[in-house]
């Protein structure tokens, strides 16, 4: 029996559970392999890794794989009927009713981030969050990936529990569990000056979850995420990104 035949034999909610579990396992495997191979190696394997990291073919395949993982996978589960546009928060929502709530949440999120992160930035001079050297456009793409991924992890629990509130927090726990499976994240959290990157992502994930609970609109989560990322970094005191 092929994996596709196995999924086809399951009812949609069970198939979605298998896909979500496989997604977390795949991320953990890739992250741990990358961590093991982070130091330069000699021999044929080392040359292959160097080629993969430096040649455009390897980088292109890697970017395509990330696109499939973050965007194509949720779309495929939707097309197969495993999830719904409502649970994903991408269609069928009321755009006008939660506008006031979105504004209040945005003000609250801004105040909370400034209150928590400004003292940290002044005391620890964090730099890990901007080591990538990404410009604003690449940051926007990564934010789209994150929000699509978090929406995907929310949709399963929402459908299983039939509840947007508890399902959204269950999905947040899945996202945090996946992040903690990455040894780079665990190592960064233990080093104060480099803890900003995973902690910033965790903070935004919590804010995104709260926004989704009140608006049930992933597009609003994306807009607020973009606004916080692009608008508050300089105010908080993070180093300027390379352009």
C-alpha atoms as a PDB file:
ATOM      1  CA  UNK A   1       0.000   0.000   0.000  1.00  0.00           C
ATOM      2  CA  UNK A   2       1.382   3.378  -1.021  1.00  0.00           C
ATOM      3  CA  UNK A   3       1.222   6.402   1.326  1.00  0.00           C
ATOM      4  CA  UNK A   4      -1.451   7.945  -0.904  1.00  0.00           C
ATOM      5  CA  UNK A   5      -3.562   4.775  -0.763  1.00  0.00           C
ATOM      6  CA  UNK A   6      -3.151   4.709   3.014  1.00  0.00           C
ATOM      7  CA  UNK A   7      -4.349   8.312   3.335  1.00  0.00           C
ATOM      8  CA  UNK A   8      -7.236   7.658   0.941  1.00  0.00           C
ATOM      9  CA  UNK A   9      -8.383   4.773   3.157  1.00  0.00           C
ATOM     10  CA  UNK A  10      -8.669   7.065   6.186  1.00  0.00           C
ATOM     11  CA  UNK A  11     -11.506   9.428   6.960  1.00  0.00           C
ATOM     12  CA  UNK A  12     -10.535  13.089   6.324  1.00  0.00           C
ATOM     13  CA  UNK A  13      -9.852  14.065   9.957  1.00  0.00           C
ATOM     14  CA  UNK A  14      -7.675  11.003  10.496  1.00  0.00           C
ATOM     15  CA  UNK A  15      -5.782  11.662   7.289  1.00  0.00           C
ATOM     16  CA  UNK A  16      -5.179  15.261   8.406  1.00  0.00           C
ATOM     17  CA  UNK A  17      -3.787  14.000  11.717  1.00  0.00           C
ATOM     18  CA  UNK A  18      -1.352  11.751   9.847  1.00  0.00           C
ATOM     19  CA  UNK A  19      -0.256  14.624   7.591  1.00  0.00           C
ATOM     20  CA  UNK A  20       0.260  16.973  10.548  1.00  0.00           C
ATOM     21  CA  UNK A  21       2.258  14.358  12.411  1.00  0.00           C
ATOM     22  CA  UNK A  22       4.371  13.688   9.329  1.00  0.00           C
ATOM     23  CA  UNK A  23       4.934  17.429   8.889  1.00  0.00           C
ATOM     24  CA  UNK A  24       6.301  17.790  12.428  1.00  0.00           C
ATOM     25  CA  UNK A  25       8.455  14.672  12.026  1.00  0.00           C
ATOM     26  CA  UNK A  26       9.833  15.909   8.695  1.00  0.00           C
ATOM     27  CA  UNK A  27      10.732  19.286  10.182  1.00  0.00           C
ATOM     28  CA  UNK A  28      12.435  17.661  13.170  1.00  0.00           C
ATOM     29  CA  UNK A  29      14.406  15.315  10.922  1.00  0.00           C
ATOM     30  CA  UNK A  30      15.536  18.105   8.585  1.00  0.00           C
ATOM     31  CA  UNK A  31      16.451  20.412  11.482  1.00  0.00           C
ATOM     32  CA  UNK A  32      18.488  17.764  13.272  1.00  0.00           C
ATOM     33  CA  UNK A  33      20.294  16.724  10.089  1.00  0.00           C
ATOM     34  CA  UNK A  34      21.148  20.372   9.395  1.00  0.00           C
ATOM     35  CA  UNK A  35      22.457  20.738  12.944  1.00  0.00           C
ATOM     36  CA  UNK A  36      24.655  17.656  12.644  1.00  0.00           C
ATOM     37  CA  UNK A  37      26.053  18.889   9.333  1.00  0.00           C
ATOM     38  CA  UNK A  38      26.584  22.511  10.452  1.00  0.00           C
ATOM     39  CA  UNK A  39      30.373  22.083  10.798  1.00  0.00           C
ATOM     40  CA  UNK A  40      32.451  21.694   7.589  1.00  0.00           C
ATOM     41  CA  UNK A  41      33.213  18.090   6.757  1.00  0.00           C
ATOM     42  CA  UNK A  42      35.772  16.515   4.531  1.00  0.00           C
ATOM     43  CA  UNK A  43      35.376  13.746   2.010  1.00  0.00           C
ATOM     44  CA  UNK A  44      32.633  13.121  -0.505  1.00  0.00           C
ATOM     45  CA  UNK A  45      29.809  13.928   1.893  1.00  0.00           C
ATOM     46  CA  UNK A  46      31.401  17.249   2.828  1.00  0.00           C
ATOM     47  CA  UNK A  47      31.809  18.200  -0.821  1.00  0.00           C
ATOM     48  CA  UNK A  48      28.178  17.287  -1.506  1.00  0.00           C
ATOM     49  CA  UNK A  49      26.967  19.455   1.405  1.00  0.00           C
ATOM     50  CA  UNK A  50      29.141  22.361   0.272  1.00  0.00           C
ATOM     51  CA  UNK A  51      27.788  22.039  -3.265  1.00  0.00           C
ATOM     52  CA  UNK A  52      24.206  21.947  -1.971  1.00  0.00           C
ATOM     53  CA  UNK A  53      24.717  25.073   0.114  1.00  0.00           C
ATOM     54  CA  UNK A  54      26.647  27.159  -2.424  1.00  0.00           C
ATOM     55  CA  UNK A  55      25.417  26.208  -5.914  1.00  0.00           C
ATOM     56  CA  UNK A  56      22.268  27.718  -7.326  1.00  0.00           C
ATOM     57  CA  UNK A  57      20.807  24.294  -8.146  1.00  0.00           C
ATOM     58  CA  UNK A  58      21.003  23.164  -4.526  1.00  0.00           C
ATOM     59  CA  UNK A  59      19.648  26.447  -3.222  1.00  0.00           C
ATOM     60  CA  UNK A  60      16.811  26.384  -5.759  1.00  0.00           C
ATOM     61  CA  UNK A  61      15.820  22.845  -4.774  1.00  0.00           C
ATOM     62  CA  UNK A  62      15.938  23.870  -1.123  1.00  0.00           C
ATOM     63  CA  UNK A  63      13.703  26.900  -1.708  1.00  0.00           C
ATOM     64  CA  UNK A  64      11.272  24.795  -3.737  1.00  0.00           C
ATOM     65  CA  UNK A  65      11.148  22.274  -0.909  1.00  0.00           C
ATOM     66  CA  UNK A  66      10.361  25.035   1.585  1.00  0.00           C
ATOM     67  CA  UNK A  67       7.592  26.364  -0.685  1.00  0.00           C
ATOM     68  CA  UNK A  68       6.068  22.882  -0.878  1.00  0.00           C
ATOM     69  CA  UNK A  69       6.314  22.423   2.886  1.00  0.00           C
ATOM     70  CA  UNK A  70       4.883  25.771   3.945  1.00  0.00           C
ATOM     71  CA  UNK A  71       2.356  26.562   1.194  1.00  0.00           C
ATOM     72  CA  UNK A  72       1.691  23.616  -1.110  1.00  0.00           C
ATOM     73  CA  UNK A  73       1.097  21.125   1.713  1.00  0.00           C
ATOM     74  CA  UNK A  74      -1.774  23.097   3.342  1.00  0.00           C
ATOM     75  CA  UNK A  75      -3.245  23.729  -0.114  1.00  0.00           C
ATOM     76  CA  UNK A  76      -3.068  20.005  -0.952  1.00  0.00           C
ATOM     77  CA  UNK A  77      -4.898  19.013   2.257  1.00  0.00           C
ATOM     78  CA  UNK A  78      -7.561  21.571   1.403  1.00  0.00           C
ATOM     79  CA  UNK A  79      -7.970  20.263  -2.143  1.00  0.00           C
ATOM     80  CA  UNK A  80      -8.191  16.679  -0.843  1.00  0.00           C
ATOM     81  CA  UNK A  81     -10.929  17.651   1.606  1.00  0.00           C
ATOM     82  CA  UNK A  82      -8.879  16.990   4.749  1.00  0.00           C
ATOM     83  CA  UNK A  83      -9.274  20.586   5.951  1.00  0.00           C
ATOM     84  CA  UNK A  84     -11.646  23.473   5.245  1.00  0.00           C
ATOM     85  CA  UNK A  85     -11.195  27.112   4.232  1.00  0.00           C
ATOM     86  CA  UNK A  86     -13.077  28.084   7.383  1.00  0.00           C
ATOM     87  CA  UNK A  87     -10.724  26.215   9.704  1.00  0.00           C
ATOM     88  CA  UNK A  88      -7.735  27.658   7.857  1.00  0.00           C
ATOM     89  CA  UNK A  89      -9.245  31.132   8.174  1.00  0.00           C
ATOM     90  CA  UNK A  90      -8.721  32.071   4.534  1.00  0.00           C
ATOM     91  CA  UNK A  91     -12.282  32.262   3.207  1.00  0.00           C
ATOM     92  CA  UNK A  92     -15.877  32.687   4.330  1.00  0.00           C
ATOM     93  CA  UNK A  93     -15.010  34.980   7.226  1.00  0.00           C
ATOM     94  CA  UNK A  94     -16.657  38.264   8.172  1.00  0.00           C
ATOM     95  CA  UNK A  95     -14.190  41.038   7.274  1.00  0.00           C
ATOM     96  CA  UNK A  96     -15.952  44.022   8.831  1.00  0.00           C
ATOM     97  CA  UNK A  97     -17.255  42.794  12.174  1.00  0.00           C
ATOM     98  CA  UNK A  98     -13.840  42.163  13.777  1.00  0.00           C
ATOM     99  CA  UNK A  99     -12.201  45.392  12.532  1.00  0.00           C
ATOM    100  CA  UNK A 100     -12.558  47.168  15.883  1.00  0.00           C
ATOM    101  CA  UNK A 101     -11.307  44.100  17.746  1.00  0.00           C
ATOM    102  CA  UNK A 102      -8.352  43.861  15.373  1.00  0.00           C
ATOM    103  CA  UNK A 103      -7.439  47.480  16.088  1.00  0.00           C
ATOM    104  CA  UNK A 104      -7.591  46.919  19.846  1.00  0.00           C
ATOM    105  CA  UNK A 105      -5.526  43.738  19.552  1.00  0.00           C
ATOM    106  CA  UNK A 106      -2.955  45.549  17.405  1.00  0.00           C
ATOM    107  CA  UNK A 107      -2.604  48.302  20.019  1.00  0.00           C
ATOM    108  CA  UNK A 108      -2.321  45.750  22.802  1.00  0.00           C
ATOM    109  CA  UNK A 109       0.251  43.684  20.894  1.00  0.00           C
ATOM    110  CA  UNK A 110       2.320  46.768  20.129  1.00  0.00           C
ATOM    111  CA  UNK A 111       2.313  47.866  23.765  1.00  0.00           C
ATOM    112  CA  UNK A 112       3.186  44.369  25.004  1.00  0.00           C
ATOM    113  CA  UNK A 113       6.069  43.952  22.552  1.00  0.00           C
ATOM    114  CA  UNK A 114       7.538  47.348  23.386  1.00  0.00           C
ATOM    115  CA  UNK A 115       7.178  46.682  27.106  1.00  0.00           C
ATOM    116  CA  UNK A 116       8.861  43.263  26.912  1.00  0.00           C
ATOM    117  CA  UNK A 117      11.410  43.692  24.129  1.00  0.00           C
ATOM    118  CA  UNK A 118      12.826  47.194  24.549  1.00  0.00           C
ATOM    119  CA  UNK A 119      14.474  46.451  27.934  1.00  0.00           C
ATOM    120  CA  UNK A 120      15.804  43.166  26.541  1.00  0.00           C
ATOM    121  CA  UNK A 121      17.267  44.854  23.464  1.00  0.00           C
ATOM    122  CA  UNK A 122      18.957  47.545  25.568  1.00  0.00           C
ATOM    123  CA  UNK A 123      20.395  45.061  28.066  1.00  0.00           C
ATOM    124  CA  UNK A 124      21.489  42.176  25.848  1.00  0.00           C
ATOM    125  CA  UNK A 125      22.156  43.783  22.421  1.00  0.00           C
ATOM    126  CA  UNK A 126      20.571  40.852  20.546  1.00  0.00           C
ATOM    127  CA  UNK A 127      21.667  40.123  17.019  1.00  0.00           C
ATOM    128  CA  UNK A 128      20.555  36.593  16.126  1.00  0.00           C
ATOM    129  CA  UNK A 129      17.214  37.791  14.778  1.00  0.00           C
ATOM    130  CA  UNK A 130      18.950  39.688  11.955  1.00  0.00           C
ATOM    131  CA  UNK A 131      21.927  37.457  11.183  1.00  0.00           C
ATOM    132  CA  UNK A 132      20.251  36.241   8.002  1.00  0.00           C
ATOM    133  CA  UNK A 133      20.845  39.560   6.228  1.00  0.00           C
ATOM    134  CA  UNK A 134      17.439  39.249   4.569  1.00  0.00           C
ATOM    135  CA  UNK A 135      15.929  42.369   3.040  1.00  0.00           C
ATOM    136  CA  UNK A 136      12.351  43.452   3.668  1.00  0.00           C
ATOM    137  CA  UNK A 137      10.972  41.415   0.757  1.00  0.00           C
ATOM    138  CA  UNK A 138      12.509  38.165   1.984  1.00  0.00           C
ATOM    139  CA  UNK A 139      11.282  38.899   5.501  1.00  0.00           C
ATOM    140  CA  UNK A 140       7.771  39.319   4.080  1.00  0.00           C
ATOM    141  CA  UNK A 141       8.003  35.934   2.324  1.00  0.00           C
ATOM    142  CA  UNK A 142       9.180  34.256   5.518  1.00  0.00           C
ATOM    143  CA  UNK A 143       6.297  35.834   7.422  1.00  0.00           C
ATOM    144  CA  UNK A 144       3.862  34.483   4.822  1.00  0.00           C
ATOM    145  CA  UNK A 145       5.407  31.038   5.282  1.00  0.00           C
ATOM    146  CA  UNK A 146       5.069  31.279   9.061  1.00  0.00           C
ATOM    147  CA  UNK A 147       1.454  32.383   9.040  1.00  0.00           C
ATOM    148  CA  UNK A 148       0.464  29.715   6.503  1.00  0.00           C
ATOM    149  CA  UNK A 149       2.227  27.092   8.620  1.00  0.00           C
ATOM    150  CA  UNK A 150       0.572  28.220  11.853  1.00  0.00           C
ATOM    151  CA  UNK A 151      -2.833  28.277  10.145  1.00  0.00           C
ATOM    152  CA  UNK A 152      -2.216  24.727   8.921  1.00  0.00           C
ATOM    153  CA  UNK A 153      -1.380  23.552  12.441  1.00  0.00           C
ATOM    154  CA  UNK A 154      -4.484  25.276  13.828  1.00  0.00           C
ATOM    155  CA  UNK A 155      -6.930  23.823  11.324  1.00  0.00           C
ATOM    156  CA  UNK A 156      -6.531  20.211  12.446  1.00  0.00           C
ATOM    157  CA  UNK A 157      -7.275  20.778  16.146  1.00  0.00           C
ATOM    158  CA  UNK A 158     -10.104  23.183  15.247  1.00  0.00           C
ATOM    159  CA  UNK A 159     -11.774  20.473  13.167  1.00  0.00           C
ATOM    160  CA  UNK A 160     -11.094  17.695  15.676  1.00  0.00           C
ATOM    161  CA  UNK A 161     -12.390  19.659  18.661  1.00  0.00           C
ATOM    162  CA  UNK A 162     -15.025  21.671  16.808  1.00  0.00           C
ATOM    163  CA  UNK A 163     -13.871  24.751  18.705  1.00  0.00           C
ATOM    164  CA  UNK A 164     -11.906  27.737  17.432  1.00  0.00           C
ATOM    165  CA  UNK A 165     -10.700  28.729  20.911  1.00  0.00           C
ATOM    166  CA  UNK A 166      -9.193  25.487  22.182  1.00  0.00           C
ATOM    167  CA  UNK A 167      -8.310  24.325  18.679  1.00  0.00           C
ATOM    168  CA  UNK A 168      -6.240  27.456  18.075  1.00  0.00           C
ATOM    169  CA  UNK A 169      -4.282  26.998  21.311  1.00  0.00           C
ATOM    170  CA  UNK A 170      -3.797  23.298  20.549  1.00  0.00           C
ATOM    171  CA  UNK A 171      -2.393  24.324  17.160  1.00  0.00           C
ATOM    172  CA  UNK A 172      -0.078  26.809  18.884  1.00  0.00           C
ATOM    173  CA  UNK A 173       1.229  23.989  21.081  1.00  0.00           C
ATOM    174  CA  UNK A 174       1.929  21.908  17.970  1.00  0.00           C
ATOM    175  CA  UNK A 175       3.866  24.805  16.406  1.00  0.00           C
ATOM    176  CA  UNK A 176       5.884  25.352  19.593  1.00  0.00           C
ATOM    177  CA  UNK A 177       6.578  21.626  19.870  1.00  0.00           C
ATOM    178  CA  UNK A 178       7.839  21.598  16.307  1.00  0.00           C
ATOM    179  CA  UNK A 179      10.077  24.596  16.973  1.00  0.00           C
ATOM    180  CA  UNK A 180      11.521  22.994  20.109  1.00  0.00           C
ATOM    181  CA  UNK A 181      12.447  19.886  18.105  1.00  0.00           C
ATOM    182  CA  UNK A 182      15.063  22.034  16.327  1.00  0.00           C
ATOM    183  CA  UNK A 183      18.414  21.788  18.174  1.00  0.00           C
ATOM    184  CA  UNK A 184      19.416  25.206  16.832  1.00  0.00           C
ATOM    185  CA  UNK A 185      16.414  26.751  18.578  1.00  0.00           C
ATOM    186  CA  UNK A 186      17.241  24.990  21.838  1.00  0.00           C
ATOM    187  CA  UNK A 187      20.869  26.121  21.639  1.00  0.00           C
ATOM    188  CA  UNK A 188      19.836  29.716  20.873  1.00  0.00           C
ATOM    189  CA  UNK A 189      17.424  29.862  23.812  1.00  0.00           C
ATOM    190  CA  UNK A 190      20.263  28.883  26.173  1.00  0.00           C
ATOM    191  CA  UNK A 191      22.424  31.785  24.908  1.00  0.00           C
ATOM    192  CA  UNK A 192      20.884  35.068  26.043  1.00  0.00           C
ATOM    193  CA  UNK A 193      22.270  37.237  23.232  1.00  0.00           C
ATOM    194  CA  UNK A 194      20.933  34.810  20.614  1.00  0.00           C
ATOM    195  CA  UNK A 195      17.627  33.936  22.222  1.00  0.00           C
ATOM    196  CA  UNK A 196      15.869  36.806  20.464  1.00  0.00           C
ATOM    197  CA  UNK A 197      15.140  34.943  17.215  1.00  0.00           C
ATOM    198  CA  UNK A 198      13.153  31.982  18.640  1.00  0.00           C
ATOM    199  CA  UNK A 199      11.592  34.106  21.379  1.00  0.00           C
ATOM    200  CA  UNK A 200      10.473  36.727  18.849  1.00  0.00           C
ATOM    201  CA  UNK A 201       8.877  34.028  16.686  1.00  0.00           C
ATOM    202  CA  UNK A 202       7.204  32.542  19.759  1.00  0.00           C
ATOM    203  CA  UNK A 203       5.865  35.944  20.804  1.00  0.00           C
ATOM    204  CA  UNK A 204       4.407  36.583  17.349  1.00  0.00           C
ATOM    205  CA  UNK A 205       2.928  33.066  17.255  1.00  0.00           C
ATOM    206  CA  UNK A 206       1.052  33.769  20.496  1.00  0.00           C
ATOM    207  CA  UNK A 207      -0.183  37.124  19.183  1.00  0.00           C
ATOM    208  CA  UNK A 208      -1.250  35.516  15.901  1.00  0.00           C
ATOM    209  CA  UNK A 209      -3.185  32.855  17.800  1.00  0.00           C
ATOM    210  CA  UNK A 210      -5.042  35.430  19.893  1.00  0.00           C
ATOM    211  CA  UNK A 211      -5.848  37.513  16.804  1.00  0.00           C
ATOM    212  CA  UNK A 212      -7.177  34.435  15.017  1.00  0.00           C
ATOM    213  CA  UNK A 213      -9.376  33.463  17.958  1.00  0.00           C
ATOM    214  CA  UNK A 214     -11.091  36.872  17.916  1.00  0.00           C
ATOM    215  CA  UNK A 215     -11.199  37.417  14.136  1.00  0.00           C
ATOM    216  CA  UNK A 216     -11.022  33.868  12.699  1.00  0.00           C
ATOM    217  CA  UNK A 217      -9.188  35.483   9.786  1.00  0.00           C
ATOM    218  CA  UNK A 218      -5.662  34.373   8.872  1.00  0.00           C
ATOM    219  CA  UNK A 219      -5.241  37.355   6.534  1.00  0.00           C
ATOM    220  CA  UNK A 220      -5.629  39.672   9.527  1.00  0.00           C
ATOM    221  CA  UNK A 221      -2.990  37.642  11.362  1.00  0.00           C
ATOM    222  CA  UNK A 222      -0.679  38.074   8.380  1.00  0.00           C
ATOM    223  CA  UNK A 223      -1.271  41.834   8.148  1.00  0.00           C
ATOM    224  CA  UNK A 224      -0.607  42.370  11.853  1.00  0.00           C
ATOM    225  CA  UNK A 225       2.473  40.129  11.709  1.00  0.00           C
ATOM    226  CA  UNK A 226       3.866  42.183   8.817  1.00  0.00           C
ATOM    227  CA  UNK A 227       3.130  45.436  10.631  1.00  0.00           C
ATOM    228  CA  UNK A 228       4.822  44.292  13.844  1.00  0.00           C
ATOM    229  CA  UNK A 229       7.837  42.837  12.054  1.00  0.00           C
ATOM    230  CA  UNK A 230       8.434  45.742   9.706  1.00  0.00           C
ATOM    231  CA  UNK A 231       7.324  48.557  11.989  1.00  0.00           C
ATOM    232  CA  UNK A 232       8.632  47.715  15.442  1.00  0.00           C
ATOM    233  CA  UNK A 233      12.104  46.261  14.930  1.00  0.00           C
ATOM    234  CA  UNK A 234      13.820  49.627  14.795  1.00  0.00           C
ATOM    235  CA  UNK A 235      11.754  51.021  17.672  1.00  0.00           C
ATOM    236  CA  UNK A 236      12.490  47.988  19.827  1.00  0.00           C
ATOM    237  CA  UNK A 237      16.200  48.345  19.154  1.00  0.00           C
ATOM    238  CA  UNK A 238      17.062  45.373  16.984  1.00  0.00           C
ATOM    239  CA  UNK A 239      20.037  45.892  14.646  1.00  0.00           C
ATOM    240  CA  UNK A 240      19.225  47.156  11.180  1.00  0.00           C
ATOM    241  CA  UNK A 241      18.857  44.445   8.547  1.00  0.00           C
ATOM    242  CA  UNK A 242      21.126  44.349   5.550  1.00  0.00           C
ATOM    243  CA  UNK A 243      19.402  45.710   2.448  1.00  0.00           C
END
